[in-house]
PDB file of N, CA and C in Angstrom:
ATOM      1  N   MET A   1      -5.181 -12.651   7.598  1.00  0.00           N
ATOM      2  CA  MET A   1      -4.714 -11.634   6.688  1.00  0.00           C
ATOM      3  C   MET A   1      -5.288 -10.295   7.142  1.00  0.00           C
ATOM      4  N   HIS A   2      -4.450  -9.277   7.151  1.00  0.00           N
ATOM      5  CA  HIS A   2      -4.833  -7.927   7.554  1.00  0.00           C
ATOM      6  C   HIS A   2      -4.640  -6.979   6.377  1.00  0.00           C
ATOM      7  N   ILE A   3      -5.595  -6.087   6.197  1.00  0.00           N
ATOM      8  CA  ILE A   3      -5.547  -5.113   5.111  1.00  0.00           C
ATOM      9  C   ILE A   3      -5.592  -3.723   5.724  1.00  0.00           C
ATOM     10  N   GLY A   4      -4.696  -2.857   5.275  1.00  0.00           N
ATOM     11  CA  GLY A   4      -4.661  -1.480   5.761  1.00  0.00           C
ATOM     12  C   GLY A   4      -4.886  -0.511   4.623  1.00  0.00           C
ATOM     13  N   LEU A   5      -5.715   0.483   4.875  1.00  0.00           N
ATOM     14  CA  LEU A   5      -6.000   1.531   3.898  1.00  0.00           C
ATOM     15  C   LEU A   5      -5.584   2.868   4.491  1.00  0.00           C
ATOM     16  N   LEU A   6      -4.690   3.545   3.797  1.00  0.00           N
ATOM     17  CA  LEU A   6      -4.218   4.864   4.193  1.00  0.00           C
ATOM     18  C   LEU A   6      -4.720   5.869   3.171  1.00  0.00           C
ATOM     19  N   THR A   7      -5.402   6.901   3.640  1.00  0.00           N
ATOM     20  CA  THR A   7      -5.893   7.962   2.764  1.00  0.00           C
ATOM     21  C   THR A   7      -5.119   9.238   3.082  1.00  0.00           C
ATOM     22  N   LEU A   8      -4.483   9.795   2.067  1.00  0.00           N
ATOM     23  CA  LEU A   8      -3.700  11.021   2.225  1.00  0.00           C
ATOM     24  C   LEU A   8      -4.400  12.167   1.514  1.00  0.00           C
ATOM     25  N   GLU A   9      -4.625  13.256   2.224  1.00  0.00           N
ATOM     26  CA  GLU A   9      -5.152  14.492   1.634  1.00  0.00           C
ATOM     27  C   GLU A   9      -3.963  15.428   1.442  1.00  0.00           C
ATOM     28  N   ILE A  10      -3.730  15.835   0.212  1.00  0.00           N
ATOM     29  CA  ILE A  10      -2.544  16.627  -0.117  1.00  0.00           C
ATOM     30  C   ILE A  10      -2.964  17.956  -0.735  1.00  0.00           C
ATOM     31  N   PHE A  11      -2.332  19.033  -0.263  1.00  0.00           N
ATOM     32  CA  PHE A  11      -2.514  20.365  -0.831  1.00  0.00           C
ATOM     33  C   PHE A  11      -1.190  20.762  -1.479  1.00  0.00           C
ATOM     34  N   ILE A  12      -1.246  21.133  -2.748  1.00  0.00           N
ATOM     35  CA  ILE A  12      -0.040  21.454  -3.517  1.00  0.00           C
ATOM     36  C   ILE A  12      -0.118  22.917  -3.945  1.00  0.00           C
ATOM     37  N   PRO A  13       0.348  23.839  -3.097  1.00  0.00           N
ATOM     38  CA  PRO A  13       0.169  25.262  -3.395  1.00  0.00           C
ATOM     39  C   PRO A  13       0.948  25.750  -4.610  1.00  0.00           C
ATOM     40  N   ASN A  14       2.025  25.094  -4.974  1.00  0.00           N
ATOM     41  CA  ASN A  14       2.867  25.557  -6.080  1.00  0.00           C
ATOM     42  C   ASN A  14       2.463  24.991  -7.438  1.00  0.00           C
ATOM     43  N   ALA A  15       1.446  24.156  -7.483  1.00  0.00           N
ATOM     44  CA  ALA A  15       1.004  23.597  -8.763  1.00  0.00           C
ATOM     45  C   ALA A  15       0.113  24.603  -9.476  1.00  0.00           C
ATOM     46  N   HIS A  16       0.455  24.898 -10.731  1.00  0.00           N
ATOM     47  CA  HIS A  16      -0.318  25.859 -11.510  1.00  0.00           C
ATOM     48  C   HIS A  16      -0.990  25.197 -12.715  1.00  0.00           C
ATOM     49  N   SER A  17      -0.881  23.873 -12.778  1.00  0.00           N
ATOM     50  CA  SER A  17      -1.542  23.132 -13.844  1.00  0.00           C
ATOM     51  C   SER A  17      -1.662  21.672 -13.411  1.00  0.00           C
ATOM     52  N   LEU A  18      -2.517  20.956 -14.110  1.00  0.00           N
ATOM     53  CA  LEU A  18      -2.645  19.523 -13.822  1.00  0.00           C
ATOM     54  C   LEU A  18      -1.345  18.789 -14.143  1.00  0.00           C
ATOM     55  N   LYS A  19      -0.616  19.278 -15.127  1.00  0.00           N
ATOM     56  CA  LYS A  19       0.659  18.657 -15.495  1.00  0.00           C
ATOM     57  C   LYS A  19       1.665  18.752 -14.346  1.00  0.00           C
ATOM     58  N   GLU A  20       1.758  19.895 -13.695  1.00  0.00           N
ATOM     59  CA  GLU A  20       2.661  20.051 -12.542  1.00  0.00           C
ATOM     60  C   GLU A  20       2.229  19.152 -11.386  1.00  0.00           C
ATOM     61  N   LYS A  21       0.924  19.093 -11.155  1.00  0.00           N
ATOM     62  CA  LYS A  21       0.400  18.237 -10.085  1.00  0.00           C
ATOM     63  C   LYS A  21       0.738  16.770 -10.363  1.00  0.00           C
ATOM     64  N   ARG A  22       0.491  16.312 -11.588  1.00  0.00           N
ATOM     65  CA  ARG A  22       0.766  14.913 -11.929  1.00  0.00           C
ATOM     66  C   ARG A  22       2.251  14.583 -11.795  1.00  0.00           C
ATOM     67  N   PHE A  23       3.117  15.528 -12.154  1.00  0.00           N
ATOM     68  CA  PHE A  23       4.554  15.311 -12.030  1.00  0.00           C
ATOM     69  C   PHE A  23       4.938  15.089 -10.567  1.00  0.00           C
ATOM     70  N   LEU A  24       4.419  15.939  -9.671  1.00  0.00           N
ATOM     71  CA  LEU A  24       4.712  15.800  -8.245  1.00  0.00           C
ATOM     72  C   LEU A  24       4.165  14.485  -7.697  1.00  0.00           C
ATOM     73  N   LEU A  25       2.932  14.145  -8.075  1.00  0.00           N
ATOM     74  CA  LEU A  25       2.326  12.909  -7.563  1.00  0.00           C
ATOM     75  C   LEU A  25       3.033  11.668  -8.103  1.00  0.00           C
ATOM     76  N   ARG A  26       3.451  11.700  -9.355  1.00  0.00           N
ATOM     77  CA  ARG A  26       4.169  10.561  -9.928  1.00  0.00           C
ATOM     78  C   ARG A  26       5.494  10.347  -9.191  1.00  0.00           C
ATOM     79  N   SER A  27       6.178  11.429  -8.901  1.00  0.00           N
ATOM     80  CA  SER A  27       7.424  11.348  -8.143  1.00  0.00           C
ATOM     81  C   SER A  27       7.183  10.789  -6.744  1.00  0.00           C
ATOM     82  N   LEU A  28       6.148  11.270  -6.074  1.00  0.00           N
ATOM     83  CA  LEU A  28       5.802  10.773  -4.738  1.00  0.00           C
ATOM     84  C   LEU A  28       5.465   9.289  -4.777  1.00  0.00           C
ATOM     85  N   LYS A  29       4.622   8.877  -5.719  1.00  0.00           N
ATOM     86  CA  LYS A  29       4.227   7.470  -5.821  1.00  0.00           C
ATOM     87  C   LYS A  29       5.434   6.574  -6.091  1.00  0.00           C
ATOM     88  N   ASP A  30       6.329   7.015  -6.954  1.00  0.00           N
ATOM     89  CA  ASP A  30       7.524   6.227  -7.257  1.00  0.00           C
ATOM     90  C   ASP A  30       8.399   6.034  -6.018  1.00  0.00           C
ATOM     91  N   ARG A  31       8.535   7.075  -5.220  1.00  0.00           N
ATOM     92  CA  ARG A  31       9.380   6.990  -4.019  1.00  0.00           C
ATOM     93  C   ARG A  31       8.727   6.158  -2.910  1.00  0.00           C
ATOM     94  N   LEU A  32       7.398   6.086  -2.900  1.00  0.00           N
ATOM     95  CA  LEU A  32       6.704   5.302  -1.872  1.00  0.00           C
ATOM     96  C   LEU A  32       6.628   3.821  -2.208  1.00  0.00           C
ATOM     97  N   ARG A  33       6.862   3.449  -3.438  1.00  0.00           N
ATOM     98  CA  ARG A  33       6.737   2.043  -3.842  1.00  0.00           C
ATOM     99  C   ARG A  33       7.740   1.129  -3.140  1.00  0.00           C
ATOM    100  N   LYS A  34       8.798   1.686  -2.546  1.00  0.00           N
ATOM    101  CA  LYS A  34       9.773   0.861  -1.820  1.00  0.00           C
ATOM    102  C   LYS A  34       9.135   0.162  -0.624  1.00  0.00           C
ATOM    103  N   PHE A  35       7.939   0.631  -0.214  1.00  0.00           N
ATOM    104  CA  PHE A  35       7.244   0.016   0.916  1.00  0.00           C
ATOM    105  C   PHE A  35       6.368  -1.160   0.494  1.00  0.00           C
ATOM    106  N   ASN A  36       6.403  -1.523  -0.781  1.00  0.00           N
ATOM    107  CA  ASN A  36       5.608  -2.624  -1.313  1.00  0.00           C
ATOM    108  C   ASN A  36       4.116  -2.400  -1.043  1.00  0.00           C
ATOM    109  N   ILE A  37       3.620  -1.269  -1.530  1.00  0.00           N
ATOM    110  CA  ILE A  37       2.236  -0.860  -1.356  1.00  0.00           C
ATOM    111  C   ILE A  37       1.617  -0.576  -2.718  1.00  0.00           C
ATOM    112  N   SER A  38       0.312  -0.444  -2.738  1.00  0.00           N
ATOM    113  CA  SER A  38      -0.386   0.002  -3.945  1.00  0.00           C
ATOM    114  C   SER A  38      -0.855   1.421  -3.713  1.00  0.00           C
ATOM    115  N   VAL A  39      -0.642   2.286  -4.707  1.00  0.00           N
ATOM    116  CA  VAL A  39      -0.974   3.705  -4.580  1.00  0.00           C
ATOM    117  C   VAL A  39      -1.807   4.132  -5.781  1.00  0.00           C
ATOM    118  N   ALA A  40      -2.882   4.892  -5.515  1.00  0.00           N
ATOM    119  CA  ALA A  40      -3.700   5.426  -6.599  1.00  0.00           C
ATOM    120  C   ALA A  40      -4.287   6.767  -6.182  1.00  0.00           C
ATOM    121  N   GLU A  41      -4.395   7.677  -7.147  1.00  0.00           N
ATOM    122  CA  GLU A  41      -5.084   8.932  -6.879  1.00  0.00           C
ATOM    123  C   GLU A  41      -6.575   8.641  -6.948  1.00  0.00           C
ATOM    124  N   CYS A  42      -7.287   8.926  -5.878  1.00  0.00           N
ATOM    125  CA  CYS A  42      -8.699   8.543  -5.817  1.00  0.00           C
ATOM    126  C   CYS A  42      -9.629   9.719  -5.535  1.00  0.00           C
ATOM    127  N   GLY A  43      -9.122  10.917  -5.659  1.00  0.00           N
ATOM    128  CA  GLY A  43      -9.987  12.072  -5.470  1.00  0.00           C
ATOM    129  C   GLY A  43      -9.331  13.345  -5.956  1.00  0.00           C
ATOM    130  N   HIS A  44     -10.161  14.295  -6.356  1.00  0.00           N
ATOM    131  CA  HIS A  44      -9.715  15.620  -6.798  1.00  0.00           C
ATOM    132  C   HIS A  44      -8.818  15.557  -8.033  1.00  0.00           C
ATOM    133  N   GLN A  45      -9.091  14.636  -8.949  1.00  0.00           N
ATOM    134  CA  GLN A  45      -8.266  14.510 -10.145  1.00  0.00           C
ATOM    135  C   GLN A  45      -8.321  15.738 -11.039  1.00  0.00           C
ATOM    136  N   ASP A  46      -9.404  16.506 -10.960  1.00  0.00           N
ATOM    137  CA  ASP A  46      -9.559  17.652 -11.854  1.00  0.00           C
ATOM    138  C   ASP A  46      -9.118  18.982 -11.222  1.00  0.00           C
ATOM    139  N   LEU A  47      -8.635  18.960  -9.990  1.00  0.00           N
ATOM    140  CA  LEU A  47      -8.169  20.171  -9.321  1.00  0.00           C
ATOM    141  C   LEU A  47      -6.649  20.249  -9.360  1.00  0.00           C
ATOM    142  N   TRP A  48      -6.108  21.424  -9.547  1.00  0.00           N
ATOM    143  CA  TRP A  48      -4.665  21.602  -9.673  1.00  0.00           C
ATOM    144  C   TRP A  48      -3.928  21.457  -8.354  1.00  0.00           C
ATOM    145  N   GLN A  49      -4.520  21.950  -7.281  1.00  0.00           N
ATOM    146  CA  GLN A  49      -3.768  22.059  -6.034  1.00  0.00           C
ATOM    147  C   GLN A  49      -4.200  21.088  -4.941  1.00  0.00           C
ATOM    148  N   ARG A  50      -5.093  20.176  -5.240  1.00  0.00           N
ATOM    149  CA  ARG A  50      -5.530  19.202  -4.239  1.00  0.00           C
ATOM    150  C   ARG A  50      -5.467  17.807  -4.823  1.00  0.00           C
ATOM    151  N   SER A  51      -5.246  16.847  -3.921  1.00  0.00           N
ATOM    152  CA  SER A  51      -5.246  15.453  -4.334  1.00  0.00           C
ATOM    153  C   SER A  51      -5.566  14.570  -3.143  1.00  0.00           C
ATOM    154  N   THR A  52      -6.190  13.451  -3.422  1.00  0.00           N
ATOM    155  CA  THR A  52      -6.410  12.424  -2.417  1.00  0.00           C
ATOM    156  C   THR A  52      -5.783  11.147  -2.962  1.00  0.00           C
ATOM    157  N   LEU A  53      -4.860  10.584  -2.184  1.00  0.00           N
ATOM    158  CA  LEU A  53      -4.228   9.326  -2.563  1.00  0.00           C
ATOM    159  C   LEU A  53      -4.743   8.213  -1.667  1.00  0.00           C
ATOM    160  N   GLY A  54      -5.022   7.079  -2.266  1.00  0.00           N
ATOM    161  CA  GLY A  54      -5.378   5.875  -1.523  1.00  0.00           C
ATOM    162  C   GLY A  54      -4.203   4.924  -1.578  1.00  0.00           C
ATOM    163  N   ILE A  55      -3.799   4.426  -0.417  1.00  0.00           N
ATOM    164  CA  ILE A  55      -2.659   3.515  -0.316  1.00  0.00           C
ATOM    165  C   ILE A  55      -3.113   2.275   0.426  1.00  0.00           C
ATOM    166  N   VAL A  56      -2.825   1.111  -0.139  1.00  0.00           N
ATOM    167  CA  VAL A  56      -3.266  -0.150   0.450  1.00  0.00           C
ATOM    168  C   VAL A  56      -2.076  -1.072   0.639  1.00  0.00           C
ATOM    169  N   SER A  57      -2.101  -1.772   1.774  1.00  0.00           N
ATOM    170  CA  SER A  57      -1.083  -2.781   2.055  1.00  0.00           C
ATOM    171  C   SER A  57      -1.752  -3.979   2.712  1.00  0.00           C
ATOM    172  N   ILE A  58      -1.188  -5.154   2.479  1.00  0.00           N
ATOM    173  CA  ILE A  58      -1.700  -6.399   3.054  1.00  0.00           C
ATOM    174  C   ILE A  58      -0.560  -7.100   3.771  1.00  0.00           C
ATOM    175  N   SER A  59      -0.865  -7.645   4.956  1.00  0.00           N
ATOM    176  CA  SER A  59       0.153  -8.361   5.716  1.00  0.00           C
ATOM    177  C   SER A  59      -0.514  -9.431   6.579  1.00  0.00           C
ATOM    178  N   SER A  60       0.242 -10.444   6.908  1.00  0.00           N
ATOM    179  CA  SER A  60      -0.277 -11.465   7.819  1.00  0.00           C
ATOM    180  C   SER A  60      -0.131 -11.034   9.275  1.00  0.00           C
ATOM    181  N   ASP A  61       0.657  -9.980   9.520  1.00  0.00           N
ATOM    182  CA  ASP A  61       0.903  -9.481  10.875  1.00  0.00           C
ATOM    183  C   ASP A  61       0.400  -8.041  10.984  1.00  0.00           C
ATOM    184  N   HIS A  62      -0.534  -7.811  11.898  1.00  0.00           N
ATOM    185  CA  HIS A  62      -1.117  -6.479  12.069  1.00  0.00           C
ATOM    186  C   HIS A  62      -0.063  -5.444  12.463  1.00  0.00           C
ATOM    187  N   LEU A  63       0.881  -5.804  13.313  1.00  0.00           N
ATOM    188  CA  LEU A  63       1.915  -4.875  13.762  1.00  0.00           C
ATOM    189  C   LEU A  63       2.784  -4.396  12.603  1.00  0.00           C
ATOM    190  N   ILE A  64       3.165  -5.322  11.725  1.00  0.00           N
ATOM    191  CA  ILE A  64       3.978  -4.956  10.558  1.00  0.00           C
ATOM    192  C   ILE A  64       3.184  -4.036   9.635  1.00  0.00           C
ATOM    193  N   LEU A  65       1.916  -4.325   9.466  1.00  0.00           N
ATOM    194  CA  LEU A  65       1.054  -3.493   8.637  1.00  0.00           C
ATOM    195  C   LEU A  65       0.970  -2.074   9.206  1.00  0.00           C
ATOM    196  N   GLU A  66       0.781  -1.970  10.504  1.00  0.00           N
ATOM    197  CA  GLU A  66       0.709  -0.668  11.165  1.00  0.00           C
ATOM    198  C   GLU A  66       2.020   0.105  11.017  1.00  0.00           C
ATOM    199  N   GLN A  67       3.145  -0.570  11.199  1.00  0.00           N
ATOM    200  CA  GLN A  67       4.452   0.070  11.055  1.00  0.00           C
ATOM    201  C   GLN A  67       4.680   0.542   9.619  1.00  0.00           C
ATOM    202  N   THR A  68       4.272  -0.258   8.661  1.00  0.00           N
ATOM    203  CA  THR A  68       4.443   0.096   7.250  1.00  0.00           C
ATOM    204  C   THR A  68       3.655   1.359   6.902  1.00  0.00           C
ATOM    205  N   LEU A  69       2.391   1.402   7.292  1.00  0.00           N
ATOM    206  CA  LEU A  69       1.568   2.559   6.952  1.00  0.00           C
ATOM    207  C   LEU A  69       2.038   3.812   7.677  1.00  0.00           C
ATOM    208  N   ASN A  70       2.489   3.681   8.906  1.00  0.00           N
ATOM    209  CA  ASN A  70       3.043   4.836   9.618  1.00  0.00           C
ATOM    210  C   ASN A  70       4.333   5.323   8.968  1.00  0.00           C
ATOM    211  N   ALA A  71       5.143   4.396   8.476  1.00  0.00           N
ATOM    212  CA  ALA A  71       6.378   4.764   7.777  1.00  0.00           C
ATOM    213  C   ALA A  71       6.056   5.491   6.467  1.00  0.00           C
ATOM    214  N   VAL A  72       4.989   5.086   5.797  1.00  0.00           N
ATOM    215  CA  VAL A  72       4.570   5.760   4.565  1.00  0.00           C
ATOM    216  C   VAL A  72       4.160   7.201   4.877  1.00  0.00           C
ATOM    217  N   VAL A  73       3.434   7.416   5.964  1.00  0.00           N
ATOM    218  CA  VAL A  73       3.037   8.775   6.348  1.00  0.00           C
ATOM    219  C   VAL A  73       4.272   9.618   6.636  1.00  0.00           C
ATOM    220  N   GLU A  74       5.212   9.083   7.384  1.00  0.00           N
ATOM    221  CA  GLU A  74       6.442   9.819   7.710  1.00  0.00           C
ATOM    222  C   GLU A  74       7.230  10.166   6.452  1.00  0.00           C
ATOM    223  N   GLU A  75       7.368   9.205   5.556  1.00  0.00           N
ATOM    224  CA  GLU A  75       8.109   9.433   4.315  1.00  0.00           C
ATOM    225  C   GLU A  75       7.412  10.480   3.445  1.00  0.00           C
ATOM    226  N   THR A  76       6.094  10.422   3.394  1.00  0.00           N
ATOM    227  CA  THR A  76       5.329  11.404   2.627  1.00  0.00           C
ATOM    228  C   THR A  76       5.558  12.803   3.175  1.00  0.00           C
ATOM    229  N   GLU A  77       5.546  12.940   4.496  1.00  0.00           N
ATOM    230  CA  GLU A  77       5.789  14.248   5.107  1.00  0.00           C
ATOM    231  C   GLU A  77       7.183  14.769   4.775  1.00  0.00           C
ATOM    232  N   LYS A  78       8.167  13.874   4.697  1.00  0.00           N
ATOM    233  CA  LYS A  78       9.523  14.292   4.319  1.00  0.00           C
ATOM    234  C   LYS A  78       9.578  14.744   2.863  1.00  0.00           C
ATOM    235  N   ILE A  79       8.919  13.989   1.986  1.00  0.00           N
ATOM    236  CA  ILE A  79       9.003  14.249   0.551  1.00  0.00           C
ATOM    237  C   ILE A  79       8.274  15.531   0.166  1.00  0.00           C
ATOM    238  N   ILE A  80       7.075  15.729   0.675  1.00  0.00           N
ATOM    239  CA  ILE A  80       6.290  16.886   0.236  1.00  0.00           C
ATOM    240  C   ILE A  80       6.242  18.005   1.277  1.00  0.00           C
ATOM    241  N   ALA A  81       6.998  17.905   2.304  1.00  0.00           N
ATOM    242  CA  ALA A  81       7.243  18.948   3.313  1.00  0.00           C
ATOM    243  C   ALA A  81       6.128  19.976   3.485  1.00  0.00           C
ATOM    244  N   GLY A  82       5.198  19.668   4.337  1.00  0.00           N
ATOM    245  CA  GLY A  82       4.157  20.615   4.692  1.00  0.00           C
ATOM    246  C   GLY A  82       2.919  20.589   3.815  1.00  0.00           C
ATOM    247  N   SER A  83       2.898  19.775   2.796  1.00  0.00           N
ATOM    248  CA  SER A  83       1.744  19.729   1.901  1.00  0.00           C
ATOM    249  C   SER A  83       0.724  18.673   2.296  1.00  0.00           C
ATOM    250  N   LEU A  84       1.042  17.847   3.285  1.00  0.00           N
ATOM    251  CA  LEU A  84       0.109  16.822   3.735  1.00  0.00           C
ATOM    252  C   LEU A  84      -0.914  17.473   4.661  1.00  0.00           C
ATOM    253  N   SER A  85      -2.153  17.581   4.193  1.00  0.00           N
ATOM    254  CA  SER A  85      -3.210  18.243   4.967  1.00  0.00           C
ATOM    255  C   SER A  85      -3.772  17.329   6.047  1.00  0.00           C
ATOM    256  N   ASN A  86      -4.000  16.072   5.676  1.00  0.00           N
ATOM    257  CA  ASN A  86      -4.657  15.148   6.576  1.00  0.00           C
ATOM    258  C   ASN A  86      -4.358  13.721   6.114  1.00  0.00           C
ATOM    259  N   TYR A  87      -4.460  12.789   7.050  1.00  0.00           N
ATOM    260  CA  TYR A  87      -4.370  11.391   6.675  1.00  0.00           C
ATOM    261  C   TYR A  87      -5.237  10.570   7.610  1.00  0.00           C
ATOM    262  N   GLN A  88      -5.638   9.400   7.117  1.00  0.00           N
ATOM    263  CA  GLN A  88      -6.477   8.505   7.902  1.00  0.00           C
ATOM    264  C   GLN A  88      -6.056   7.077   7.595  1.00  0.00           C
ATOM    265  N   ILE A  89      -5.921   6.272   8.646  1.00  0.00           N
ATOM    266  CA  ILE A  89      -5.569   4.860   8.494  1.00  0.00           C
ATOM    267  C   ILE A  89      -6.754   4.029   8.957  1.00  0.00           C
ATOM    268  N   GLU A  90      -7.160   3.086   8.104  1.00  0.00           N
ATOM    269  CA  GLU A  90      -8.243   2.165   8.435  1.00  0.00           C
ATOM    270  C   GLU A  90      -7.719   0.744   8.275  1.00  0.00           C
ATOM    271  N   TYR A  91      -8.182  -0.140   9.142  1.00  0.00           N
ATOM    272  CA  TYR A  91      -7.822  -1.549   9.041  1.00  0.00           C
ATOM    273  C   TYR A  91      -9.088  -2.343   8.722  1.00  0.00           C
ATOM    274  N   LEU A  92      -9.006  -3.157   7.689  1.00  0.00           N
ATOM    275  CA  LEU A  92     -10.165  -3.919   7.235  1.00  0.00           C
ATOM    276  C   LEU A  92     -10.028  -5.385   7.611  1.00  0.00           C
TER     277      LEU A  92
END
């Protein structure tokens, strides 16, 4: 069994309240669920324009896991266009 952890650092310049930030993140999380992953905000919950998302996936095949997490990064870049500051993929 292989476990992959993807950490996304997101900057949201147009958010002027926590409510706007949560709306954008909820929309992003809903659209990423098609990849059969778990998503949670795990950092910067009290800041309006920053967020850290933790994304986890499990697979019996390392290659499929790698492809899935890379596809999530690509999809995130499409959805939030330029707001993805950084990302990191770890395999456990």
